[in-house]
Amino acid sequence: MPFLYKFAVFTTIAVAALVAVAVPLDYPPPQVTEIVVKYPSLIVVSATFVGDATVFQSKTGTCGIPFDVTKDMVVAMNQLQMGKNAECGKTIRISYKGQNVTANIVDTCHSKYCPFGSLGLSPPLFAQLAPLDKGLISIEWQFM
C-alpha cells in the first residue's frame, strides 16, 4: 500500500479510538453540531455543544472565583466537561432561539442536574434568554 494511504488509515483508526474512549459508556454520546478546525497544524477545534440550561443558585463556586449569583452573568458547567475545574474562568457564548449571551464559568453543575452539554445559569443570565419560570431550556453553546 502507498505510504499516504497507510497514514490515512492509521490516522482514522487512531482518531476513532480516541473518540471511543473520550465519553463514558453510561452517558449518551455528546451532541456536537459543528466542529471547525482553526489551525490544522495544531489540531485546535471549536465545537458547538447542545444541552439544557437550568437556573443555579450557588453562592460559592468550585472554581474559587468570587461572584454574585444575583447580579453576575456566570455558569456552572456540567461535571463531565468541567473535569477537575479545568474550564474555570473561561468565557462561553450561549445561544437560545436566536439570542446570544456570554458568561464566565465559575462553578460545576452536578451530573444529576447537568448531563454532558448542559449548564446551570445564574438567574440574571437565564433571564436574558427566557423567563425564569420556564426553568429549563434547550441551548447551544461554545467556548470563546
N, C-alpha and C. Protein backbone atom coordinates (compact mmCIF):
# COMPACT_ATOMS: atom_id res chain seq x y z
N MET A 1 0.84 -1.19 0.00
CA MET A 1 0.00 0.00 0.00
C MET A 1 0.88 1.24 0.00
N PRO A 2 0.46 2.26 -0.69
CA PRO A 2 1.23 3.51 -0.68
C PRO A 2 1.27 4.10 0.73
N PHE A 3 2.33 4.82 1.04
CA PHE A 3 2.51 5.40 2.37
C PHE A 3 1.35 6.30 2.77
N LEU A 4 0.89 7.18 1.90
CA LEU A 4 -0.18 8.12 2.21
C LEU A 4 -1.45 7.38 2.59
N TYR A 5 -1.76 6.30 1.90
CA TYR A 5 -2.95 5.51 2.22
C TYR A 5 -2.81 4.90 3.61
N LYS A 6 -1.64 4.31 3.90
CA LYS A 6 -1.41 3.71 5.22
C LYS A 6 -1.55 4.77 6.31
N PHE A 7 -1.00 5.97 6.09
CA PHE A 7 -1.09 7.04 7.07
C PHE A 7 -2.54 7.45 7.30
N ALA A 8 -3.33 7.56 6.23
CA ALA A 8 -4.74 7.95 6.36
C ALA A 8 -5.51 6.90 7.14
N VAL A 9 -5.28 5.62 6.88
CA VAL A 9 -5.97 4.55 7.60
C VAL A 9 -5.57 4.56 9.06
N PHE A 10 -4.27 4.68 9.35
CA PHE A 10 -3.81 4.73 10.73
C PHE A 10 -4.41 5.92 11.47
N THR A 11 -4.42 7.10 10.83
CA THR A 11 -4.97 8.30 11.45
C THR A 11 -6.45 8.14 11.74
N THR A 12 -7.20 7.58 10.82
CA THR A 12 -8.63 7.36 11.02
C THR A 12 -8.87 6.42 12.20
N ILE A 13 -8.12 5.35 12.28
CA ILE A 13 -8.27 4.39 13.38
C ILE A 13 -7.89 5.04 14.71
N ALA A 14 -6.81 5.82 14.72
CA ALA A 14 -6.37 6.48 15.95
C ALA A 14 -7.41 7.48 16.43
N VAL A 15 -7.97 8.28 15.55
CA VAL A 15 -8.99 9.26 15.93
C VAL A 15 -10.24 8.54 16.42
N ALA A 16 -10.66 7.49 15.77
CA ALA A 16 -11.83 6.74 16.21
C ALA A 16 -11.61 6.15 17.60
N ALA A 17 -10.42 5.66 17.88
CA ALA A 17 -10.12 5.10 19.20
C ALA A 17 -10.17 6.18 20.27
N LEU A 18 -9.65 7.37 19.97
CA LEU A 18 -9.69 8.46 20.93
C LEU A 18 -11.12 8.89 21.22
N VAL A 19 -11.94 9.00 20.21
CA VAL A 19 -13.34 9.39 20.39
C VAL A 19 -14.08 8.34 21.20
N ALA A 20 -13.81 7.08 20.95
CA ALA A 20 -14.49 6.00 21.66
C ALA A 20 -14.15 6.01 23.15
N VAL A 21 -12.95 6.42 23.51
CA VAL A 21 -12.53 6.42 24.90
C VAL A 21 -12.94 7.71 25.60
N ALA A 22 -13.20 8.77 24.88
CA ALA A 22 -13.43 10.08 25.47
C ALA A 22 -14.75 10.21 26.22
N VAL A 23 -15.77 9.44 25.88
CA VAL A 23 -17.08 9.57 26.50
C VAL A 23 -17.39 8.28 27.26
N PRO A 24 -17.69 8.39 28.59
CA PRO A 24 -18.02 7.19 29.35
C PRO A 24 -19.22 6.47 28.74
N LEU A 25 -19.25 5.15 28.86
CA LEU A 25 -20.30 4.35 28.24
C LEU A 25 -21.67 4.55 28.87
N ASP A 26 -21.73 4.99 30.14
CA ASP A 26 -23.03 5.14 30.78
C ASP A 26 -23.70 6.48 30.49
N TYR A 27 -23.12 7.28 29.61
CA TYR A 27 -23.73 8.53 29.20
C TYR A 27 -24.01 8.49 27.71
N PRO A 28 -25.08 9.16 27.27
CA PRO A 28 -25.34 9.19 25.83
C PRO A 28 -24.21 9.94 25.13
N PRO A 29 -23.98 9.66 23.86
CA PRO A 29 -22.92 10.36 23.15
C PRO A 29 -23.22 11.85 23.09
N PRO A 30 -22.17 12.68 23.18
CA PRO A 30 -22.41 14.13 23.14
C PRO A 30 -22.95 14.56 21.80
N GLN A 31 -23.78 15.59 21.84
CA GLN A 31 -24.29 16.17 20.61
C GLN A 31 -23.42 17.37 20.26
N VAL A 32 -22.69 17.26 19.21
CA VAL A 32 -21.85 18.36 18.75
C VAL A 32 -22.37 18.74 17.37
N THR A 33 -22.77 20.01 17.25
CA THR A 33 -23.40 20.41 15.99
C THR A 33 -22.41 20.92 14.96
N GLU A 34 -21.21 21.30 15.40
CA GLU A 34 -20.26 21.85 14.44
C GLU A 34 -18.85 21.70 14.98
N ILE A 35 -17.93 21.31 14.13
CA ILE A 35 -16.52 21.30 14.50
C ILE A 35 -15.76 22.05 13.42
N VAL A 36 -15.00 23.03 13.86
CA VAL A 36 -14.25 23.86 12.92
C VAL A 36 -12.77 23.75 13.27
N VAL A 37 -11.95 23.34 12.32
CA VAL A 37 -10.51 23.28 12.54
C VAL A 37 -9.96 24.67 12.27
N LYS A 38 -9.40 25.30 13.31
CA LYS A 38 -8.89 26.66 13.17
C LYS A 38 -7.43 26.68 12.73
N TYR A 39 -6.64 25.81 13.26
CA TYR A 39 -5.22 25.74 12.94
C TYR A 39 -4.86 24.28 12.68
N PRO A 40 -4.96 23.83 11.45
CA PRO A 40 -4.75 22.41 11.15
C PRO A 40 -3.44 21.85 11.69
N SER A 41 -2.38 22.64 11.70
CA SER A 41 -1.10 22.11 12.17
C SER A 41 -1.10 21.89 13.68
N LEU A 42 -1.96 22.60 14.40
CA LEU A 42 -2.04 22.45 15.85
C LEU A 42 -3.20 21.56 16.28
N ILE A 43 -4.09 21.24 15.36
CA ILE A 43 -5.30 20.46 15.61
C ILE A 43 -6.12 21.07 16.76
N VAL A 44 -6.40 22.36 16.66
CA VAL A 44 -7.25 23.06 17.60
C VAL A 44 -8.64 23.11 16.99
N VAL A 45 -9.65 22.68 17.73
CA VAL A 45 -11.01 22.69 17.18
C VAL A 45 -11.93 23.52 18.07
N SER A 46 -12.97 24.02 17.46
CA SER A 46 -14.01 24.74 18.17
C SER A 46 -15.29 23.97 17.94
N ALA A 47 -15.99 23.65 19.01
CA ALA A 47 -17.21 22.87 18.89
C ALA A 47 -18.39 23.63 19.47
N THR A 48 -19.55 23.42 18.90
CA THR A 48 -20.80 23.94 19.45
C THR A 48 -21.49 22.78 20.13
N PHE A 49 -21.74 22.91 21.42
CA PHE A 49 -22.35 21.85 22.20
C PHE A 49 -23.84 22.10 22.36
N VAL A 50 -24.60 21.03 22.50
CA VAL A 50 -26.05 21.10 22.65
C VAL A 50 -26.43 20.49 23.99
N GLY A 51 -27.30 21.17 24.73
CA GLY A 51 -27.72 20.65 26.02
C GLY A 51 -28.86 21.47 26.58
N ASP A 52 -29.14 21.27 27.85
CA ASP A 52 -30.18 22.02 28.54
C ASP A 52 -29.56 23.02 29.49
N ALA A 53 -30.28 24.08 29.76
CA ALA A 53 -29.85 25.07 30.74
C ALA A 53 -30.92 25.18 31.81
N THR A 54 -30.49 25.24 33.04
CA THR A 54 -31.36 25.45 34.17
C THR A 54 -30.80 26.59 35.00
N VAL A 55 -31.50 27.00 36.03
CA VAL A 55 -31.04 28.09 36.89
C VAL A 55 -30.28 27.49 38.07
N PHE A 56 -29.13 28.07 38.41
CA PHE A 56 -28.43 27.63 39.63
C PHE A 56 -28.35 28.78 40.61
N GLN A 57 -28.32 28.46 41.90
CA GLN A 57 -28.39 29.47 42.95
C GLN A 57 -27.18 29.47 43.88
N SER A 58 -26.12 28.78 43.53
CA SER A 58 -24.96 28.66 44.40
C SER A 58 -24.35 30.03 44.70
N LYS A 59 -23.88 30.20 45.92
CA LYS A 59 -23.22 31.45 46.28
C LYS A 59 -21.70 31.32 46.27
N THR A 60 -21.21 30.08 46.28
CA THR A 60 -19.77 29.83 46.18
C THR A 60 -19.57 28.76 45.12
N GLY A 61 -18.60 28.96 44.27
CA GLY A 61 -18.36 28.00 43.19
C GLY A 61 -17.15 27.13 43.45
N THR A 62 -17.02 26.08 42.67
CA THR A 62 -15.89 25.16 42.80
C THR A 62 -14.60 25.76 42.26
N CYS A 63 -14.69 26.85 41.53
CA CYS A 63 -13.51 27.45 40.91
C CYS A 63 -12.75 28.40 41.83
N GLY A 64 -13.37 28.82 42.91
CA GLY A 64 -12.72 29.79 43.78
C GLY A 64 -12.73 31.21 43.23
N ILE A 65 -13.56 31.45 42.23
CA ILE A 65 -13.68 32.78 41.63
C ILE A 65 -14.87 33.48 42.29
N PRO A 66 -14.66 34.66 42.89
CA PRO A 66 -15.78 35.35 43.53
C PRO A 66 -16.84 35.78 42.50
N PHE A 67 -18.10 35.63 42.87
CA PHE A 67 -19.20 36.07 42.01
C PHE A 67 -20.44 36.31 42.86
N ASP A 68 -21.37 37.09 42.30
CA ASP A 68 -22.66 37.34 42.93
C ASP A 68 -23.72 36.73 42.02
N VAL A 69 -24.30 35.62 42.43
CA VAL A 69 -25.24 34.88 41.58
C VAL A 69 -26.48 35.71 41.25
N THR A 70 -26.76 36.75 42.03
CA THR A 70 -27.93 37.58 41.76
C THR A 70 -27.65 38.67 40.74
N LYS A 71 -26.36 38.92 40.42
CA LYS A 71 -26.02 40.01 39.51
C LYS A 71 -25.15 39.59 38.32
N ASP A 72 -24.27 38.62 38.52
CA ASP A 72 -23.27 38.29 37.51
C ASP A 72 -23.78 37.29 36.47
N MET A 73 -23.22 37.41 35.28
CA MET A 73 -23.54 36.50 34.17
C MET A 73 -22.55 35.34 34.23
N VAL A 74 -22.90 34.33 35.01
CA VAL A 74 -21.99 33.21 35.25
C VAL A 74 -22.71 31.88 35.07
N VAL A 75 -21.91 30.83 34.85
CA VAL A 75 -22.48 29.50 34.66
C VAL A 75 -21.76 28.46 35.52
N ALA A 76 -22.49 27.37 35.76
CA ALA A 76 -21.92 26.16 36.34
C ALA A 76 -21.88 25.14 35.21
N MET A 77 -20.69 24.65 34.88
CA MET A 77 -20.53 23.69 33.79
C MET A 77 -20.76 22.27 34.30
N ASN A 78 -21.31 21.42 33.44
CA ASN A 78 -21.53 20.02 33.80
C ASN A 78 -20.21 19.35 34.17
N GLN A 79 -20.30 18.37 35.08
CA GLN A 79 -19.10 17.70 35.60
C GLN A 79 -18.26 17.03 34.51
N LEU A 80 -18.89 16.42 33.53
CA LEU A 80 -18.15 15.70 32.51
C LEU A 80 -17.23 16.61 31.70
N GLN A 81 -17.69 17.80 31.39
CA GLN A 81 -16.87 18.72 30.62
C GLN A 81 -15.96 19.58 31.50
N MET A 82 -16.33 19.76 32.75
CA MET A 82 -15.52 20.57 33.66
C MET A 82 -14.24 19.85 34.07
N GLY A 83 -14.31 18.52 34.20
CA GLY A 83 -13.13 17.80 34.66
C GLY A 83 -12.76 18.25 36.06
N LYS A 84 -11.49 18.45 36.29
CA LYS A 84 -11.00 18.91 37.60
C LYS A 84 -10.84 20.42 37.57
N ASN A 85 -11.95 21.10 37.32
CA ASN A 85 -12.00 22.57 37.26
C ASN A 85 -11.12 23.13 36.14
N ALA A 86 -10.89 22.35 35.11
CA ALA A 86 -10.03 22.78 34.00
C ALA A 86 -10.62 23.94 33.21
N GLU A 87 -11.93 24.12 33.26
CA GLU A 87 -12.58 25.17 32.46
C GLU A 87 -12.87 26.44 33.26
N CYS A 88 -12.47 26.47 34.52
CA CYS A 88 -12.73 27.64 35.38
C CYS A 88 -12.23 28.93 34.75
N GLY A 89 -13.08 29.95 34.81
CA GLY A 89 -12.70 31.27 34.33
C GLY A 89 -12.85 31.48 32.84
N LYS A 90 -13.10 30.42 32.10
CA LYS A 90 -13.23 30.57 30.64
C LYS A 90 -14.57 31.21 30.30
N THR A 91 -14.60 31.85 29.14
CA THR A 91 -15.81 32.52 28.67
C THR A 91 -16.47 31.65 27.61
N ILE A 92 -17.80 31.58 27.67
CA ILE A 92 -18.56 30.84 26.67
C ILE A 92 -19.67 31.73 26.11
N ARG A 93 -20.13 31.37 24.91
CA ARG A 93 -21.28 32.04 24.29
C ARG A 93 -22.41 31.04 24.26
N ILE A 94 -23.58 31.45 24.76
CA ILE A 94 -24.75 30.60 24.85
C ILE A 94 -25.81 31.15 23.90
N SER A 95 -26.45 30.25 23.14
CA SER A 95 -27.49 30.65 22.18
C SER A 95 -28.80 29.95 22.50
N TYR A 96 -29.88 30.72 22.41
CA TYR A 96 -31.23 30.19 22.61
C TYR A 96 -32.19 31.00 21.75
N LYS A 97 -32.84 30.36 20.83
CA LYS A 97 -33.83 30.99 19.95
C LYS A 97 -33.34 32.30 19.34
N GLY A 98 -32.13 32.28 18.81
CA GLY A 98 -31.58 33.45 18.13
C GLY A 98 -30.95 34.49 19.03
N GLN A 99 -31.03 34.31 20.33
CA GLN A 99 -30.40 35.23 21.27
C GLN A 99 -29.05 34.66 21.70
N ASN A 100 -28.05 35.52 21.84
CA ASN A 100 -26.72 35.11 22.27
C ASN A 100 -26.29 35.92 23.48
N VAL A 101 -25.73 35.22 24.47
CA VAL A 101 -25.18 35.88 25.65
C VAL A 101 -23.82 35.25 25.96
N THR A 102 -22.97 36.00 26.63
CA THR A 102 -21.68 35.45 27.06
C THR A 102 -21.66 35.37 28.58
N ALA A 103 -20.88 34.42 29.08
CA ALA A 103 -20.80 34.21 30.53
C ALA A 103 -19.46 33.57 30.87
N ASN A 104 -19.11 33.67 32.14
CA ASN A 104 -17.88 33.06 32.65
C ASN A 104 -18.22 31.82 33.47
N ILE A 105 -17.36 30.82 33.37
CA ILE A 105 -17.54 29.57 34.12
C ILE A 105 -16.95 29.75 35.51
N VAL A 106 -17.79 29.55 36.55
CA VAL A 106 -17.35 29.75 37.93
C VAL A 106 -17.66 28.57 38.85
N ASP A 107 -18.40 27.58 38.34
CA ASP A 107 -18.87 26.51 39.21
C ASP A 107 -19.08 25.24 38.40
N THR A 108 -19.32 24.15 39.11
CA THR A 108 -19.60 22.86 38.48
C THR A 108 -21.04 22.47 38.81
N CYS A 109 -21.77 22.02 37.80
CA CYS A 109 -23.14 21.54 37.98
C CYS A 109 -23.11 20.02 38.05
N HIS A 110 -23.66 19.46 39.10
CA HIS A 110 -23.66 18.00 39.30
C HIS A 110 -24.32 17.30 38.12
N SER A 111 -23.77 16.16 37.73
CA SER A 111 -24.29 15.44 36.55
C SER A 111 -25.73 14.99 36.72
N LYS A 112 -26.23 14.94 37.94
CA LYS A 112 -27.64 14.62 38.18
C LYS A 112 -28.54 15.69 37.54
N TYR A 113 -28.08 16.93 37.57
CA TYR A 113 -28.85 18.04 37.02
C TYR A 113 -28.36 18.49 35.65
N CYS A 114 -27.09 18.25 35.37
CA CYS A 114 -26.48 18.74 34.13
C CYS A 114 -25.70 17.62 33.43
N PRO A 115 -26.34 16.88 32.54
CA PRO A 115 -25.59 15.89 31.77
C PRO A 115 -24.65 16.59 30.78
N PHE A 116 -23.87 15.82 30.06
CA PHE A 116 -22.91 16.37 29.10
C PHE A 116 -23.60 17.38 28.19
N GLY A 117 -22.99 18.55 28.04
CA GLY A 117 -23.53 19.61 27.18
C GLY A 117 -24.41 20.60 27.90
N SER A 118 -24.86 20.26 29.11
CA SER A 118 -25.80 21.13 29.83
C SER A 118 -25.06 22.07 30.79
N LEU A 119 -25.75 23.16 31.16
CA LEU A 119 -25.18 24.19 32.02
C LEU A 119 -26.19 24.66 33.05
N GLY A 120 -25.69 25.13 34.18
CA GLY A 120 -26.50 25.86 35.14
C GLY A 120 -26.22 27.35 34.94
N LEU A 121 -27.25 28.16 34.79
CA LEU A 121 -27.09 29.59 34.54
C LEU A 121 -27.52 30.39 35.75
N SER A 122 -26.81 31.48 36.02
CA SER A 122 -27.23 32.38 37.10
C SER A 122 -28.58 32.98 36.70
N PRO A 123 -29.40 33.37 37.69
CA PRO A 123 -30.72 33.93 37.36
C PRO A 123 -30.70 35.09 36.37
N PRO A 124 -29.80 36.09 36.52
CA PRO A 124 -29.83 37.17 35.52
C PRO A 124 -29.43 36.70 34.11
N LEU A 125 -28.56 35.71 34.03
CA LEU A 125 -28.17 35.17 32.73
C LEU A 125 -29.34 34.41 32.10
N PHE A 126 -29.99 33.54 32.88
CA PHE A 126 -31.14 32.80 32.38
C PHE A 126 -32.23 33.77 31.91
N ALA A 127 -32.45 34.84 32.70
CA ALA A 127 -33.49 35.82 32.37
C ALA A 127 -33.21 36.56 31.06
N GLN A 128 -31.94 36.63 30.64
CA GLN A 128 -31.61 37.24 29.36
C GLN A 128 -32.12 36.39 28.19
N LEU A 129 -32.30 35.08 28.45
CA LEU A 129 -32.71 34.16 27.39
C LEU A 129 -34.18 33.77 27.45
N ALA A 130 -34.71 33.62 28.66
CA ALA A 130 -36.10 33.16 28.83
C ALA A 130 -36.59 33.57 30.22
N PRO A 131 -37.91 33.60 30.41
CA PRO A 131 -38.43 33.90 31.75
C PRO A 131 -37.96 32.85 32.76
N LEU A 132 -37.64 33.28 33.96
CA LEU A 132 -37.14 32.36 34.99
C LEU A 132 -38.09 31.21 35.28
N ASP A 133 -39.41 31.46 35.18
CA ASP A 133 -40.36 30.39 35.50
C ASP A 133 -40.38 29.28 34.44
N LYS A 134 -39.72 29.49 33.32
CA LYS A 134 -39.59 28.43 32.31
C LYS A 134 -38.77 27.28 32.87
N GLY A 135 -37.74 27.61 33.67
CA GLY A 135 -36.99 26.59 34.40
C GLY A 135 -35.94 25.80 33.63
N LEU A 136 -36.25 25.38 32.42
CA LEU A 136 -35.33 24.55 31.63
C LEU A 136 -35.51 24.90 30.15
N ILE A 137 -34.39 25.18 29.50
CA ILE A 137 -34.43 25.50 28.06
C ILE A 137 -33.35 24.70 27.34
N SER A 138 -33.55 24.46 26.06
CA SER A 138 -32.56 23.78 25.23
C SER A 138 -31.65 24.83 24.61
N ILE A 139 -30.34 24.65 24.80
CA ILE A 139 -29.38 25.66 24.35
C ILE A 139 -28.29 25.04 23.47
N GLU A 140 -27.56 25.92 22.82
CA GLU A 140 -26.30 25.58 22.18
C GLU A 140 -25.27 26.52 22.79
N TRP A 141 -24.04 26.06 22.92
CA TRP A 141 -23.00 26.92 23.46
C TRP A 141 -21.64 26.51 22.94
N GLN A 142 -20.70 27.46 23.05
CA GLN A 142 -19.33 27.18 22.62
C GLN A 142 -18.37 28.04 23.41
N PHE A 143 -17.12 27.56 23.50
CA PHE A 143 -16.07 28.33 24.14
C PHE A 143 -15.71 29.50 23.24
N MET A 144 -15.36 30.60 23.86
CA MET A 144 -14.97 31.80 23.10
C MET A 144 -13.46 31.78 22.89
